[in-house]
Amino acid sequence: MSNEVAIDYNAGLTGALAWSVEQFGGNPLTAAQLNALPGISAPQGM
């Protein structure tokens, strides 16, 4: 498998994100809050 390293990297990143949310909580940003960030736009329909 030629993308095995990428799969392992993504699994670790996902695990770290899940741990961070578990430890610190948080709420997802709304589309309006995302659009207010420089260089970021939320997809239509959110």
C-alpha atoms as a PDB file:
ATOM      1  CA  MET A   1       0.000   0.000   0.000  1.00  0.00           C
ATOM      2  CA  SER A   2       1.582   3.274  -1.076  1.00  0.00           C
ATOM      3  CA  ASN A   3      -0.413   5.600   1.198  1.00  0.00           C
ATOM      4  CA  GLU A   4       0.065   3.714   4.469  1.00  0.00           C
ATOM      5  CA  VAL A   5       2.006   6.559   6.118  1.00  0.00           C
ATOM      6  CA  ALA A   6      -0.735   9.052   5.284  1.00  0.00           C
ATOM      7  CA  ILE A   7      -3.366   6.775   6.814  1.00  0.00           C
ATOM      8  CA  ASP A   8      -1.364   6.478  10.037  1.00  0.00           C
ATOM      9  CA  TYR A   9      -0.806  10.242  10.183  1.00  0.00           C
ATOM     10  CA  ASN A  10      -4.508  10.982   9.709  1.00  0.00           C
ATOM     11  CA  ALA A  11      -5.486   8.487  12.422  1.00  0.00           C
ATOM     12  CA  GLY A  12      -3.148  10.154  14.907  1.00  0.00           C
ATOM     13  CA  LEU A  13      -4.413  13.614  14.011  1.00  0.00           C
ATOM     14  CA  THR A  14      -8.029  12.497  14.403  1.00  0.00           C
ATOM     15  CA  GLY A  15      -7.255  10.910  17.774  1.00  0.00           C
ATOM     16  CA  ALA A  16      -5.526  14.072  19.003  1.00  0.00           C
ATOM     17  CA  LEU A  17      -8.497  16.178  17.927  1.00  0.00           C
ATOM     18  CA  ALA A  18     -10.949  13.827  19.672  1.00  0.00           C
ATOM     19  CA  TRP A  19      -8.869  13.947  22.874  1.00  0.00           C
ATOM     20  CA  SER A  20      -8.717  17.743  22.723  1.00  0.00           C
ATOM     21  CA  VAL A  21     -12.501  18.045  22.361  1.00  0.00           C
ATOM     22  CA  GLU A  22     -12.985  15.549  25.212  1.00  0.00           C
ATOM     23  CA  GLN A  23     -10.648  17.495  27.505  1.00  0.00           C
ATOM     24  CA  PHE A  24     -11.602  21.066  26.641  1.00  0.00           C
ATOM     25  CA  GLY A  25     -15.069  20.823  25.101  1.00  0.00           C
ATOM     26  CA  GLY A  26     -16.219  23.521  22.760  1.00  0.00           C
ATOM     27  CA  ASN A  27     -18.946  24.447  20.369  1.00  0.00           C
ATOM     28  CA  PRO A  28     -18.776  24.402  16.572  1.00  0.00           C
ATOM     29  CA  LEU A  29     -18.682  27.768  14.817  1.00  0.00           C
ATOM     30  CA  THR A  30     -21.742  28.905  12.901  1.00  0.00           C
ATOM     31  CA  ALA A  31     -21.525  29.711   9.191  1.00  0.00           C
ATOM     32  CA  ALA A  32     -21.566  33.435  10.041  1.00  0.00           C
ATOM     33  CA  GLN A  33     -18.668  33.020  12.489  1.00  0.00           C
ATOM     34  CA  LEU A  34     -16.681  31.032   9.911  1.00  0.00           C
ATOM     35  CA  ASN A  35     -17.283  33.659   7.232  1.00  0.00           C
ATOM     36  CA  ALA A  36     -16.033  36.375   9.628  1.00  0.00           C
ATOM     37  CA  LEU A  37     -12.601  34.690   9.797  1.00  0.00           C
ATOM     38  CA  PRO A  38     -10.090  36.048   7.257  1.00  0.00           C
ATOM     39  CA  GLY A  39      -9.530  33.737   4.292  1.00  0.00           C
ATOM     40  CA  ILE A  40     -12.257  31.248   5.248  1.00  0.00           C
ATOM     41  CA  SER A  41     -15.750  30.875   3.842  1.00  0.00           C
ATOM     42  CA  ALA A  42     -18.349  28.340   4.898  1.00  0.00           C
ATOM     43  CA  PRO A  43     -19.985  26.212   2.200  1.00  0.00           C
ATOM     44  CA  GLN A  44     -23.492  27.262   1.237  1.00  0.00           C
ATOM     45  CA  GLY A  45     -26.298  25.407   2.980  1.00  0.00           C
ATOM     46  CA  MET A  46     -24.722  25.241   6.434  1.00  0.00           C
END
